[in-house]
PDB file of N, CA and C in Angstrom:
ATOM      1  N   MET A   1    -141.251-268.657  64.297  1.00  0.00           N
ATOM      2  CA  MET A   1    -141.845-269.926  63.683  1.00  0.00           C
ATOM      3  C   MET A   1    -140.662-270.651  63.056  1.00  0.00           C
ATOM      4  N   THR A   2    -140.784-271.941  63.201  1.00  0.00           N
ATOM      5  CA  THR A   2    -139.691-272.828  62.648  1.00  0.00           C
ATOM      6  C   THR A   2    -140.158-273.676  61.470  1.00  0.00           C
ATOM      7  N   ALA A   3    -139.297-274.181  60.759  1.00  0.00           N
ATOM      8  CA  ALA A   3    -139.509-275.130  59.680  1.00  0.00           C
ATOM      9  C   ALA A   3    -139.151-276.511  60.182  1.00  0.00           C
ATOM     10  N   ALA A   4    -139.881-277.504  59.803  1.00  0.00           N
ATOM     11  CA  ALA A   4    -139.641-278.873  60.306  1.00  0.00           C
ATOM     12  C   ALA A   4    -138.137-279.258  59.845  1.00  0.00           C
ATOM     13  N   ARG A   5    -137.695-278.935  58.640  1.00  0.00           N
ATOM     14  CA  ARG A   5    -136.514-279.396  58.209  1.00  0.00           C
ATOM     15  C   ARG A   5    -135.339-278.668  58.921  1.00  0.00           C
ATOM     16  N   LEU A   6    -135.541-277.529  59.492  1.00  0.00           N
ATOM     17  CA  LEU A   6    -134.425-276.828  60.182  1.00  0.00           C
ATOM     18  C   LEU A   6    -134.373-277.228  61.729  1.00  0.00           C
ATOM     19  N   ALA A   7    -135.592-277.487  62.274  1.00  0.00           N
ATOM     20  CA  ALA A   7    -135.578-277.776  63.659  1.00  0.00           C
ATOM     21  C   ALA A   7    -136.790-278.629  64.131  1.00  0.00           C
ATOM     22  N   PRO A   8    -136.667-279.889  63.712  1.00  0.00           N
ATOM     23  CA  PRO A   8    -137.744-280.848  63.909  1.00  0.00           C
ATOM     24  C   PRO A   8    -138.200-281.058  65.319  1.00  0.00           C
ATOM     25  N   GLU A   9    -137.465-280.815  66.351  1.00  0.00           N
ATOM     26  CA  GLU A   9    -137.878-280.834  67.705  1.00  0.00           C
ATOM     27  C   GLU A   9    -138.573-279.620  68.347  1.00  0.00           C
ATOM     28  N   LEU A  10    -138.617-278.574  67.555  1.00  0.00           N
ATOM     29  CA  LEU A  10    -139.403-277.301  68.020  1.00  0.00           C
ATOM     30  C   LEU A  10    -140.741-277.189  67.527  1.00  0.00           C
ATOM     31  N   PRO A  11    -141.517-276.534  68.366  1.00  0.00           N
ATOM     32  CA  PRO A  11    -142.993-276.318  67.924  1.00  0.00           C
ATOM     33  C   PRO A  11    -143.015-275.552  66.571  1.00  0.00           C
ATOM     34  N   LYS A  12    -144.057-275.741  65.785  1.00  0.00           N
ATOM     35  CA  LYS A  12    -144.165-275.083  64.524  1.00  0.00           C
ATOM     36  C   LYS A  12    -145.399-274.051  64.541  1.00  0.00           C
ATOM     37  N   GLY A  13    -145.183-273.175  65.322  1.00  0.00           N
ATOM     38  CA  GLY A  13    -146.290-272.097  65.395  1.00  0.00           C
ATOM     39  C   GLY A  13    -145.873-270.695  65.847  1.00  0.00           C
ATOM     40  N   VAL A  14    -146.655-269.812  65.875  1.00  0.00           N
ATOM     41  CA  VAL A  14    -146.350-268.526  66.177  1.00  0.00           C
ATOM     42  C   VAL A  14    -147.645-267.888  66.945  1.00  0.00           C
ATOM     43  N   VAL A  15    -147.458-267.072  68.053  1.00  0.00           N
ATOM     44  CA  VAL A  15    -148.546-266.490  68.750  1.00  0.00           C
ATOM     45  C   VAL A  15    -148.866-265.104  68.073  1.00  0.00           C
ATOM     46  N   LEU A  16    -150.070-264.964  67.644  1.00  0.00           N
ATOM     47  CA  LEU A  16    -150.469-263.630  67.072  1.00  0.00           C
ATOM     48  C   LEU A  16    -151.361-262.878  68.062  1.00  0.00           C
ATOM     49  N   GLU A  17    -151.234-261.616  68.161  1.00  0.00           N
ATOM     50  CA  GLU A  17    -152.200-260.813  68.838  1.00  0.00           C
ATOM     51  C   GLU A  17    -153.479-260.740  68.183  1.00  0.00           C
ATOM     52  N   HIS A  18    -154.543-260.735  68.873  1.00  0.00           N
ATOM     53  CA  HIS A  18    -155.867-260.511  68.088  1.00  0.00           C
ATOM     54  C   HIS A  18    -155.980-259.356  67.351  1.00  0.00           C
ATOM     55  N   ARG A  19    -155.288-258.283  67.697  1.00  0.00           N
ATOM     56  CA  ARG A  19    -155.418-257.135  66.874  1.00  0.00           C
ATOM     57  C   ARG A  19    -154.733-257.156  65.608  1.00  0.00           C
ATOM     58  N   SER A  20    -153.712-258.152  65.412  1.00  0.00           N
ATOM     59  CA  SER A  20    -153.054-258.296  64.197  1.00  0.00           C
ATOM     60  C   SER A  20    -154.025-258.695  63.050  1.00  0.00           C
ATOM     61  N   PHE A  21    -155.155-259.377  63.391  1.00  0.00           N
ATOM     62  CA  PHE A  21    -156.020-259.834  62.314  1.00  0.00           C
ATOM     63  C   PHE A  21    -156.934-258.574  61.779  1.00  0.00           C
ATOM     64  N   PHE A  22    -156.981-257.439  62.503  1.00  0.00           N
ATOM     65  CA  PHE A  22    -157.629-256.253  62.035  1.00  0.00           C
ATOM     66  C   PHE A  22    -156.675-255.178  61.627  1.00  0.00           C
ATOM     67  N   ALA A  23    -155.286-255.284  61.863  1.00  0.00           N
ATOM     68  CA  ALA A  23    -154.510-254.164  61.549  1.00  0.00           C
ATOM     69  C   ALA A  23    -154.448-253.879  60.127  1.00  0.00           C
ATOM     70  N   VAL A  24    -154.314-254.884  59.283  1.00  0.00           N
ATOM     71  CA  VAL A  24    -154.222-254.733  57.725  1.00  0.00           C
ATOM     72  C   VAL A  24    -155.595-254.149  57.315  1.00  0.00           C
ATOM     73  N   ARG A  25    -156.695-254.561  57.708  1.00  0.00           N
ATOM     74  CA  ARG A  25    -158.007-254.077  57.312  1.00  0.00           C
ATOM     75  C   ARG A  25    -158.108-252.536  57.773  1.00  0.00           C
ATOM     76  N   ASN A  26    -157.631-252.248  59.007  1.00  0.00           N
ATOM     77  CA  ASN A  26    -157.752-250.874  59.424  1.00  0.00           C
ATOM     78  C   ASN A  26    -156.848-249.955  58.604  1.00  0.00           C
ATOM     79  N   ALA A  27    -155.694-250.445  58.362  1.00  0.00           N
ATOM     80  CA  ALA A  27    -154.701-249.553  57.646  1.00  0.00           C
ATOM     81  C   ALA A  27    -155.296-249.295  56.116  1.00  0.00           C
ATOM     82  N   LEU A  28    -155.842-250.333  55.587  1.00  0.00           N
ATOM     83  CA  LEU A  28    -156.436-250.157  54.232  1.00  0.00           C
ATOM     84  C   LEU A  28    -157.625-249.132  54.321  1.00  0.00           C
ATOM     85  N   ALA A  29    -158.402-249.248  55.295  1.00  0.00           N
ATOM     86  CA  ALA A  29    -159.535-248.336  55.414  1.00  0.00           C
ATOM     87  C   ALA A  29    -159.115-246.933  55.606  1.00  0.00           C
ATOM     88  N   THR A  30    -158.118-246.804  56.455  1.00  0.00           N
ATOM     89  CA  THR A  30    -157.455-245.468  56.589  1.00  0.00           C
ATOM     90  C   THR A  30    -156.963-244.805  55.328  1.00  0.00           C
ATOM     91  N   ALA A  31    -156.371-245.689  54.522  1.00  0.00           N
ATOM     92  CA  ALA A  31    -155.870-245.160  53.181  1.00  0.00           C
ATOM     93  C   ALA A  31    -156.989-245.164  52.170  1.00  0.00           C
ATOM     94  N   GLY A  32    -158.265-245.356  52.552  1.00  0.00           N
ATOM     95  CA  GLY A  32    -159.337-245.323  51.619  1.00  0.00           C
ATOM     96  C   GLY A  32    -159.332-246.509  50.620  1.00  0.00           C
ATOM     97  N   LEU A  33    -158.712-247.573  50.973  1.00  0.00           N
ATOM     98  CA  LEU A  33    -158.557-248.815  49.929  1.00  0.00           C
ATOM     99  C   LEU A  33    -159.497-249.801  50.556  1.00  0.00           C
ATOM    100  N   ASP A  34    -160.073-250.629  49.632  1.00  0.00           N
ATOM    101  CA  ASP A  34    -160.957-251.706  49.954  1.00  0.00           C
ATOM    102  C   ASP A  34    -160.358-253.021  49.223  1.00  0.00           C
ATOM    103  N   TRP A  35    -159.458-253.628  49.895  1.00  0.00           N
ATOM    104  CA  TRP A  35    -158.798-254.816  49.316  1.00  0.00           C
ATOM    105  C   TRP A  35    -159.774-255.936  49.076  1.00  0.00           C
ATOM    106  N   ILE A  36    -160.629-256.315  50.001  1.00  0.00           N
ATOM    107  CA  ILE A  36    -161.644-257.303  49.798  1.00  0.00           C
ATOM    108  C   ILE A  36    -162.968-256.571  49.415  1.00  0.00           C
ATOM    109  N   ASP A  37    -163.535-256.834  48.400  1.00  0.00           N
ATOM    110  CA  ASP A  37    -164.718-256.312  47.875  1.00  0.00           C
ATOM    111  C   ASP A  37    -165.929-256.914  48.481  1.00  0.00           C
ATOM    112  N   TRP A  38    -166.099-256.714  49.872  1.00  0.00           N
ATOM    113  CA  TRP A  38    -167.247-257.313  50.513  1.00  0.00           C
ATOM    114  C   TRP A  38    -168.498-256.407  49.949  1.00  0.00           C
ATOM    115  N   ARG A  39    -169.623-257.040  49.775  1.00  0.00           N
ATOM    116  CA  ARG A  39    -170.839-256.517  49.429  1.00  0.00           C
ATOM    117  C   ARG A  39    -172.013-256.933  50.368  1.00  0.00           C
ATOM    118  N   ASP A  40    -172.947-256.035  50.541  1.00  0.00           N
ATOM    119  CA  ASP A  40    -174.142-256.480  51.373  1.00  0.00           C
ATOM    120  C   ASP A  40    -174.703-257.741  50.806  1.00  0.00           C
ATOM    121  N   GLY A  41    -175.056-258.655  51.783  1.00  0.00           N
ATOM    122  CA  GLY A  41    -175.502-259.952  51.262  1.00  0.00           C
ATOM    123  C   GLY A  41    -174.497-261.017  50.963  1.00  0.00           C
ATOM    124  N   ASP A  42    -173.218-260.654  51.023  1.00  0.00           N
ATOM    125  CA  ASP A  42    -172.265-261.669  50.626  1.00  0.00           C
ATOM    126  C   ASP A  42    -172.263-262.876  51.580  1.00  0.00           C
ATOM    127  N   ARG A  43    -172.006-264.101  51.045  1.00  0.00           N
ATOM    128  CA  ARG A  43    -171.821-265.216  51.827  1.00  0.00           C
ATOM    129  C   ARG A  43    -170.558-265.840  51.441  1.00  0.00           C
ATOM    130  N   SER A  44    -169.730-265.991  52.378  1.00  0.00           N
ATOM    131  CA  SER A  44    -168.312-266.330  52.248  1.00  0.00           C
ATOM    132  C   SER A  44    -168.121-267.815  52.615  1.00  0.00           C
ATOM    133  N   LEU A  45    -167.569-268.655  51.765  1.00  0.00           N
ATOM    134  CA  LEU A  45    -167.330-270.048  52.075  1.00  0.00           C
ATOM    135  C   LEU A  45    -165.884-270.211  52.460  1.00  0.00           C
ATOM    136  N   ILE A  46    -165.856-270.855  53.751  1.00  0.00           N
ATOM    137  CA  ILE A  46    -164.516-271.001  54.387  1.00  0.00           C
ATOM    138  C   ILE A  46    -164.118-272.555  54.190  1.00  0.00           C
ATOM    139  N   GLY A  47    -163.157-272.765  53.305  1.00  0.00           N
ATOM    140  CA  GLY A  47    -162.867-274.229  53.057  1.00  0.00           C
ATOM    141  C   GLY A  47    -161.403-274.465  53.525  1.00  0.00           C
ATOM    142  N   MET A  48    -161.005-273.717  54.615  1.00  0.00           N
ATOM    143  CA  MET A  48    -159.619-273.922  55.101  1.00  0.00           C
ATOM    144  C   MET A  48    -159.672-274.108  56.622  1.00  0.00           C
ATOM    145  N   ALA A  49    -158.628-274.804  57.030  1.00  0.00           N
ATOM    146  CA  ALA A  49    -158.481-275.111  58.461  1.00  0.00           C
ATOM    147  C   ALA A  49    -158.422-273.922  59.241  1.00  0.00           C
ATOM    148  N   GLY A  50    -159.261-273.876  60.490  1.00  0.00           N
ATOM    149  CA  GLY A  50    -159.327-272.693  61.327  1.00  0.00           C
ATOM    150  C   GLY A  50    -157.877-272.572  62.059  1.00  0.00           C
ATOM    151  N   PHE A  51    -157.002-273.481  62.017  1.00  0.00           N
ATOM    152  CA  PHE A  51    -155.712-273.252  62.627  1.00  0.00           C
ATOM    153  C   PHE A  51    -154.745-272.566  61.594  1.00  0.00           C
ATOM    154  N   HIS A  52    -155.067-272.528  60.434  1.00  0.00           N
ATOM    155  CA  HIS A  52    -154.291-271.869  59.306  1.00  0.00           C
ATOM    156  C   HIS A  52    -154.589-270.425  59.333  1.00  0.00           C
ATOM    157  N   ILE A  53    -153.454-269.561  59.271  1.00  0.00           N
ATOM    158  CA  ILE A  53    -153.509-268.132  59.385  1.00  0.00           C
ATOM    159  C   ILE A  53    -154.449-267.681  58.139  1.00  0.00           C
ATOM    160  N   GLY A  54    -154.540-268.224  56.984  1.00  0.00           N
ATOM    161  CA  GLY A  54    -155.357-267.846  55.895  1.00  0.00           C
ATOM    162  C   GLY A  54    -156.814-268.052  56.213  1.00  0.00           C
ATOM    163  N   GLY A  55    -157.116-269.184  56.833  1.00  0.00           N
ATOM    164  CA  GLY A  55    -158.490-269.432  57.270  1.00  0.00           C
ATOM    165  C   GLY A  55    -159.025-268.525  58.388  1.00  0.00           C
ATOM    166  N   ILE A  56    -158.174-268.362  59.309  1.00  0.00           N
ATOM    167  CA  ILE A  56    -158.534-267.444  60.425  1.00  0.00           C
ATOM    168  C   ILE A  56    -158.711-266.042  60.024  1.00  0.00           C
ATOM    169  N   TRP A  57    -157.722-265.574  59.145  1.00  0.00           N
ATOM    170  CA  TRP A  57    -157.780-264.111  58.704  1.00  0.00           C
ATOM    171  C   TRP A  57    -158.992-263.938  57.905  1.00  0.00           C
ATOM    172  N   TRP A  58    -159.319-264.869  56.922  1.00  0.00           N
ATOM    173  CA  TRP A  58    -160.505-264.518  56.064  1.00  0.00           C
ATOM    174  C   TRP A  58    -161.678-264.588  56.879  1.00  0.00           C
ATOM    175  N   THR A  59    -161.887-265.598  57.802  1.00  0.00           N
ATOM    176  CA  THR A  59    -163.047-265.637  58.622  1.00  0.00           C
ATOM    177  C   THR A  59    -163.263-264.385  59.432  1.00  0.00           C
ATOM    178  N   THR A  60    -162.207-263.856  60.022  1.00  0.00           N
ATOM    179  CA  THR A  60    -162.320-262.655  60.922  1.00  0.00           C
ATOM    180  C   THR A  60    -162.594-261.474  59.981  1.00  0.00           C
ATOM    181  N   GLN A  61    -162.078-261.409  58.831  1.00  0.00           N
ATOM    182  CA  GLN A  61    -162.416-260.246  57.924  1.00  0.00           C
ATOM    183  C   GLN A  61    -163.920-260.290  57.563  1.00  0.00           C
ATOM    184  N   GLY A  62    -164.379-261.513  57.330  1.00  0.00           N
ATOM    185  CA  GLY A  62    -165.767-261.635  57.037  1.00  0.00           C
ATOM    186  C   GLY A  62    -166.779-261.218  58.207  1.00  0.00           C
ATOM    187  N   PHE A  63    -166.384-261.671  59.348  1.00  0.00           N
ATOM    188  CA  PHE A  63    -167.143-261.227  60.457  1.00  0.00           C
ATOM    189  C   PHE A  63    -167.131-259.651  60.736  1.00  0.00           C
ATOM    190  N   ALA A  64    -165.936-259.104  60.552  1.00  0.00           N
ATOM    191  CA  ALA A  64    -165.832-257.686  60.782  1.00  0.00           C
ATOM    192  C   ALA A  64    -166.592-256.972  59.649  1.00  0.00           C
ATOM    193  N   ALA A  65    -166.803-257.481  58.444  1.00  0.00           N
ATOM    194  CA  ALA A  65    -167.495-256.938  57.384  1.00  0.00           C
ATOM    195  C   ALA A  65    -169.040-257.169  57.643  1.00  0.00           C
ATOM    196  N   GLY A  66    -169.452-258.087  58.438  1.00  0.00           N
ATOM    197  CA  GLY A  66    -170.793-258.382  58.650  1.00  0.00           C
ATOM    198  C   GLY A  66    -171.366-259.278  57.627  1.00  0.00           C
ATOM    199  N   VAL A  67    -170.635-260.083  56.937  1.00  0.00           N
ATOM    200  CA  VAL A  67    -171.111-261.067  55.936  1.00  0.00           C
ATOM    201  C   VAL A  67    -171.368-262.357  56.642  1.00  0.00           C
ATOM    202  N   THR A  68    -172.090-263.284  55.946  1.00  0.00           N
ATOM    203  CA  THR A  68    -172.237-264.595  56.389  1.00  0.00           C
ATOM    204  C   THR A  68    -171.046-265.559  56.101  1.00  0.00           C
ATOM    205  N   ASN A  69    -170.601-266.143  57.120  1.00  0.00           N
ATOM    206  CA  ASN A  69    -169.495-267.111  56.881  1.00  0.00           C
ATOM    207  C   ASN A  69    -170.072-268.474  56.823  1.00  0.00           C
ATOM    208  N   VAL A  70    -169.761-269.241  55.813  1.00  0.00           N
ATOM    209  CA  VAL A  70    -170.220-270.630  55.759  1.00  0.00           C
ATOM    210  C   VAL A  70    -168.944-271.504  55.871  1.00  0.00           C
ATOM    211  N   VAL A  71    -168.847-272.224  56.979  1.00  0.00           N
ATOM    212  CA  VAL A  71    -167.513-272.976  57.171  1.00  0.00           C
ATOM    213  C   VAL A  71    -167.745-274.368  56.841  1.00  0.00           C
ATOM    214  N   MET A  72    -166.907-274.955  56.122  1.00  0.00           N
ATOM    215  CA  MET A  72    -166.773-276.454  55.692  1.00  0.00           C
ATOM    216  C   MET A  72    -165.864-277.063  56.789  1.00  0.00           C
ATOM    217  N   ARG A  73    -166.578-278.263  57.226  1.00  0.00           N
ATOM    218  CA  ARG A  73    -165.634-279.068  58.200  1.00  0.00           C
ATOM    219  C   ARG A  73    -164.400-279.643  57.507  1.00  0.00           C
ATOM    220  N   GLU A  74    -164.597-280.114  56.202  1.00  0.00           N
ATOM    221  CA  GLU A  74    -163.498-280.549  55.570  1.00  0.00           C
ATOM    222  C   GLU A  74    -163.775-280.159  53.945  1.00  0.00           C
ATOM    223  N   PHE A  75    -162.727-279.736  53.288  1.00  0.00           N
ATOM    224  CA  PHE A  75    -162.970-279.114  51.904  1.00  0.00           C
ATOM    225  C   PHE A  75    -163.126-280.399  51.041  1.00  0.00           C
ATOM    226  N   THR A  76    -164.176-280.424  50.266  1.00  0.00           N
ATOM    227  CA  THR A  76    -164.311-281.397  49.061  1.00  0.00           C
ATOM    228  C   THR A  76    -164.819-280.406  47.941  1.00  0.00           C
ATOM    229  N   THR A  77    -164.375-280.675  46.756  1.00  0.00           N
ATOM    230  CA  THR A  77    -164.911-279.894  45.596  1.00  0.00           C
ATOM    231  C   THR A  77    -166.450-280.070  45.434  1.00  0.00           C
ATOM    232  N   ALA A  78    -166.985-281.297  45.613  1.00  0.00           N
ATOM    233  CA  ALA A  78    -168.393-281.625  45.471  1.00  0.00           C
ATOM    234  C   ALA A  78    -169.163-280.872  46.658  1.00  0.00           C
ATOM    235  N   GLY A  79    -168.544-280.912  47.808  1.00  0.00           N
ATOM    236  CA  GLY A  79    -169.176-280.216  48.973  1.00  0.00           C
ATOM    237  C   GLY A  79    -169.265-278.669  48.752  1.00  0.00           C
ATOM    238  N   ALA A  80    -168.238-278.130  48.253  1.00  0.00           N
ATOM    239  CA  ALA A  80    -168.104-276.689  47.965  1.00  0.00           C
ATOM    240  C   ALA A  80    -169.068-276.399  46.859  1.00  0.00           C
ATOM    241  N   VAL A  81    -169.185-277.043  45.856  1.00  0.00           N
ATOM    242  CA  VAL A  81    -170.132-276.759  44.779  1.00  0.00           C
ATOM    243  C   VAL A  81    -171.633-276.857  45.262  1.00  0.00           C
ATOM    244  N   GLU A  82    -171.820-277.895  46.129  1.00  0.00           N
ATOM    245  CA  GLU A  82    -173.129-277.927  46.720  1.00  0.00           C
ATOM    246  C   GLU A  82    -173.601-276.718  47.592  1.00  0.00           C
ATOM    247  N   LEU A  83    -172.548-276.322  48.411  1.00  0.00           N
ATOM    248  CA  LEU A  83    -172.849-275.151  49.204  1.00  0.00           C
ATOM    249  C   LEU A  83    -172.983-273.900  48.412  1.00  0.00           C
ATOM    250  N   ILE A  84    -172.261-273.666  47.416  1.00  0.00           N
ATOM    251  CA  ILE A  84    -172.354-272.587  46.604  1.00  0.00           C
ATOM    252  C   ILE A  84    -173.693-272.489  45.955  1.00  0.00           C
ATOM    253  N   ARG A  85    -174.185-273.634  45.417  1.00  0.00           N
ATOM    254  CA  ARG A  85    -175.464-273.650  44.807  1.00  0.00           C
ATOM    255  C   ARG A  85    -176.654-273.503  45.725  1.00  0.00           C
ATOM    256  N   THR A  86    -176.635-274.156  46.847  1.00  0.00           N
ATOM    257  CA  THR A  86    -177.740-274.135  47.790  1.00  0.00           C
ATOM    258  C   THR A  86    -177.774-273.022  48.698  1.00  0.00           C
ATOM    259  N   LEU A  87    -176.572-272.366  49.011  1.00  0.00           N
ATOM    260  CA  LEU A  87    -176.633-271.296  50.074  1.00  0.00           C
ATOM    261  C   LEU A  87    -176.225-270.032  49.377  1.00  0.00           C
ATOM    262  N   GLY A  88    -176.078-269.976  48.090  1.00  0.00           N
ATOM    263  CA  GLY A  88    -175.736-268.607  47.440  1.00  0.00           C
ATOM    264  C   GLY A  88    -174.417-268.115  47.836  1.00  0.00           C
ATOM    265  N   VAL A  89    -173.422-268.846  48.008  1.00  0.00           N
ATOM    266  CA  VAL A  89    -172.090-268.517  48.277  1.00  0.00           C
ATOM    267  C   VAL A  89    -171.654-267.500  47.231  1.00  0.00           C
ATOM    268  N   THR A  90    -170.980-266.344  47.558  1.00  0.00           N
ATOM    269  CA  THR A  90    -170.670-265.354  46.614  1.00  0.00           C
ATOM    270  C   THR A  90    -169.025-265.177  46.637  1.00  0.00           C
ATOM    271  N   THR A  91    -168.272-265.741  47.652  1.00  0.00           N
ATOM    272  CA  THR A  91    -166.892-265.482  47.654  1.00  0.00           C
ATOM    273  C   THR A  91    -166.433-266.638  48.469  1.00  0.00           C
ATOM    274  N   ARG A  92    -165.089-266.981  48.317  1.00  0.00           N
ATOM    275  CA  ARG A  92    -164.547-268.181  49.067  1.00  0.00           C
ATOM    276  C   ARG A  92    -163.175-268.062  49.343  1.00  0.00           C
ATOM    277  N   VAL A  93    -162.675-268.799  50.290  1.00  0.00           N
ATOM    278  CA  VAL A  93    -161.298-268.987  50.537  1.00  0.00           C
ATOM    279  C   VAL A  93    -160.998-270.480  50.788  1.00  0.00           C
ATOM    280  N   HIS A  94    -159.837-270.954  50.279  1.00  0.00           N
ATOM    281  CA  HIS A  94    -159.470-272.342  50.415  1.00  0.00           C
ATOM    282  C   HIS A  94    -158.040-272.498  50.086  1.00  0.00           C
ATOM    283  N   GLY A  95    -157.503-273.586  50.243  1.00  0.00           N
ATOM    284  CA  GLY A  95    -156.121-273.913  50.081  1.00  0.00           C
ATOM    285  C   GLY A  95    -155.877-273.969  48.558  1.00  0.00           C
ATOM    286  N   ALA A  96    -154.456-274.005  48.252  1.00  0.00           N
ATOM    287  CA  ALA A  96    -154.131-274.035  46.869  1.00  0.00           C
ATOM    288  C   ALA A  96    -154.574-275.253  46.121  1.00  0.00           C
ATOM    289  N   GLY A  97    -154.590-276.426  46.691  1.00  0.00           N
ATOM    290  CA  GLY A  97    -155.081-277.663  46.098  1.00  0.00           C
ATOM    291  C   GLY A  97    -156.554-277.652  45.720  1.00  0.00           C
ATOM    292  N   ALA A  98    -157.317-276.957  46.697  1.00  0.00           N
ATOM    293  CA  ALA A  98    -158.773-276.810  46.531  1.00  0.00           C
ATOM    294  C   ALA A  98    -159.014-275.792  45.320  1.00  0.00           C
ATOM    295  N   THR A  99    -158.072-274.775  45.244  1.00  0.00           N
ATOM    296  CA  THR A  99    -158.321-273.893  44.164  1.00  0.00           C
ATOM    297  C   THR A  99    -158.200-274.451  42.756  1.00  0.00           C
ATOM    298  N   ARG A 100    -157.128-275.300  42.685  1.00  0.00           N
ATOM    299  CA  ARG A 100    -157.163-276.028  41.288  1.00  0.00           C
ATOM    300  C   ARG A 100    -158.215-276.922  41.042  1.00  0.00           C
ATOM    301  N   ALA A 101    -158.798-277.670  42.138  1.00  0.00           N
ATOM    302  CA  ALA A 101    -160.031-278.449  41.972  1.00  0.00           C
ATOM    303  C   ALA A 101    -161.155-277.562  41.564  1.00  0.00           C
ATOM    304  N   ALA A 102    -161.330-276.465  42.285  1.00  0.00           N
ATOM    305  CA  ALA A 102    -162.448-275.497  42.090  1.00  0.00           C
ATOM    306  C   ALA A 102    -162.472-274.953  40.643  1.00  0.00           C
ATOM    307  N   ARG A 103    -161.184-274.645  40.184  1.00  0.00           N
ATOM    308  CA  ARG A 103    -161.062-274.103  38.764  1.00  0.00           C
ATOM    309  C   ARG A 103    -161.670-275.163  37.735  1.00  0.00           C
ATOM    310  N   SER A 104    -161.250-276.327  38.033  1.00  0.00           N
ATOM    311  CA  SER A 104    -161.792-277.404  37.079  1.00  0.00           C
ATOM    312  C   SER A 104    -163.345-277.570  37.069  1.00  0.00           C
ATOM    313  N   SER A 105    -163.868-276.986  38.138  1.00  0.00           N
ATOM    314  CA  SER A 105    -165.527-277.230  38.337  1.00  0.00           C
ATOM    315  C   SER A 105    -166.036-275.797  38.174  1.00  0.00           C
ATOM    316  N   ALA A 106    -165.338-274.725  37.603  1.00  0.00           N
ATOM    317  CA  ALA A 106    -165.726-273.383  37.612  1.00  0.00           C
ATOM    318  C   ALA A 106    -167.128-273.296  37.178  1.00  0.00           C
ATOM    319  N   ALA A 107    -167.514-273.933  36.197  1.00  0.00           N
ATOM    320  CA  ALA A 107    -168.846-273.801  35.564  1.00  0.00           C
ATOM    321  C   ALA A 107    -170.010-274.236  36.515  1.00  0.00           C
ATOM    322  N   SER A 108    -169.612-275.256  37.411  1.00  0.00           N
ATOM    323  CA  SER A 108    -170.526-275.568  38.409  1.00  0.00           C
ATOM    324  C   SER A 108    -170.638-274.702  39.646  1.00  0.00           C
ATOM    325  N   CYS A 109    -169.573-273.846  39.839  1.00  0.00           N
ATOM    326  CA  CYS A 109    -169.431-272.991  40.881  1.00  0.00           C
ATOM    327  C   CYS A 109    -170.130-271.552  40.644  1.00  0.00           C
ATOM    328  N   ALA A 110    -170.581-271.314  39.534  1.00  0.00           N
ATOM    329  CA  ALA A 110    -171.170-269.932  39.183  1.00  0.00           C
ATOM    330  C   ALA A 110    -172.392-269.822  40.104  1.00  0.00           C
ATOM    331  N   ASN A 111    -172.325-268.503  40.665  1.00  0.00           N
ATOM    332  CA  ASN A 111    -173.469-268.247  41.563  1.00  0.00           C
ATOM    333  C   ASN A 111    -174.511-267.305  40.857  1.00  0.00           C
ATOM    334  N   ALA A 112    -175.631-267.061  41.491  1.00  0.00           N
ATOM    335  CA  ALA A 112    -176.709-266.393  40.941  1.00  0.00           C
ATOM    336  C   ALA A 112    -176.314-264.991  40.599  1.00  0.00           C
ATOM    337  N   SER A 113    -175.403-264.322  41.350  1.00  0.00           N
ATOM    338  CA  SER A 113    -175.150-263.012  41.099  1.00  0.00           C
ATOM    339  C   SER A 113    -174.102-262.867  39.855  1.00  0.00           C
ATOM    340  N   GLY A 114    -173.534-264.020  39.543  1.00  0.00           N
ATOM    341  CA  GLY A 114    -172.565-263.928  38.296  1.00  0.00           C
ATOM    342  C   GLY A 114    -171.165-263.457  38.855  1.00  0.00           C
ATOM    343  N   ARG A 115    -170.985-263.188  40.261  1.00  0.00           N
ATOM    344  CA  ARG A 115    -169.761-262.738  40.737  1.00  0.00           C
ATOM    345  C   ARG A 115    -169.077-264.023  41.285  1.00  0.00           C
ATOM    346  N   ALA A 116    -167.848-264.219  40.782  1.00  0.00           N
ATOM    347  CA  ALA A 116    -167.045-265.338  41.265  1.00  0.00           C
ATOM    348  C   ALA A 116    -165.777-264.785  41.836  1.00  0.00           C
ATOM    349  N   THR A 117    -165.596-264.710  43.094  1.00  0.00           N
ATOM    350  CA  THR A 117    -164.282-264.198  43.743  1.00  0.00           C
ATOM    351  C   THR A 117    -163.793-265.345  44.576  1.00  0.00           C
ATOM    352  N   SER A 118    -162.404-265.497  44.572  1.00  0.00           N
ATOM    353  CA  SER A 118    -161.809-266.581  45.260  1.00  0.00           C
ATOM    354  C   SER A 118    -160.538-266.113  45.905  1.00  0.00           C
ATOM    355  N   ALA A 119    -160.171-266.629  47.015  1.00  0.00           N
ATOM    356  CA  ALA A 119    -158.838-266.330  47.508  1.00  0.00           C
ATOM    357  C   ALA A 119    -158.270-267.665  47.839  1.00  0.00           C
ATOM    358  N   GLY A 120    -157.204-267.968  47.039  1.00  0.00           N
ATOM    359  CA  GLY A 120    -156.517-269.400  47.363  1.00  0.00           C
ATOM    360  C   GLY A 120    -155.287-269.067  48.180  1.00  0.00           C
ATOM    361  N   VAL A 121    -155.134-269.853  49.232  1.00  0.00           N
ATOM    362  CA  VAL A 121    -153.996-269.696  50.096  1.00  0.00           C
ATOM    363  C   VAL A 121    -153.181-270.907  50.197  1.00  0.00           C
ATOM    364  N   SER A 122    -151.903-270.797  50.085  1.00  0.00           N
ATOM    365  CA  SER A 122    -151.081-272.094  50.136  1.00  0.00           C
ATOM    366  C   SER A 122    -150.483-272.258  51.479  1.00  0.00           C
TER     367      SER A 122
END
C-alpha cells in the first residue's frame, strides 16, 4: 500500500485474501474471546464505504455472526438517527467524522434495548 504523498503515481490499495476477514474472528474464538459482543436480534448499521477495510470487515463480521446489517448508501447523522429509531439498530460502524456527529446526537440515537455500541474507524 502506498501513501499519496510518497508515491502519487502508484495505486493506493492492497489485495486482501477473503480468509483475512475471518482470521481475527477465528483466532479470538479459538482463544475463547468475544471481541464484538454480537447478540441474537442485533441490527448493525453500516455507515462506511464498502471499499474501506473497516466497512468491509465490520459487514463480514456481522454476516458471520448472523446479525442483520443495515447499509447506508451515504452517511448522514439524520439518516443514521432515523434508521436507528425505525429499524431498531443496536450497534453501528462509521468513520471518525460520523462518530463525532453521532456523539452530539447521542440522546437521539438511544435504542429500545438501551444498548449503545459503536465502532468508529478513521
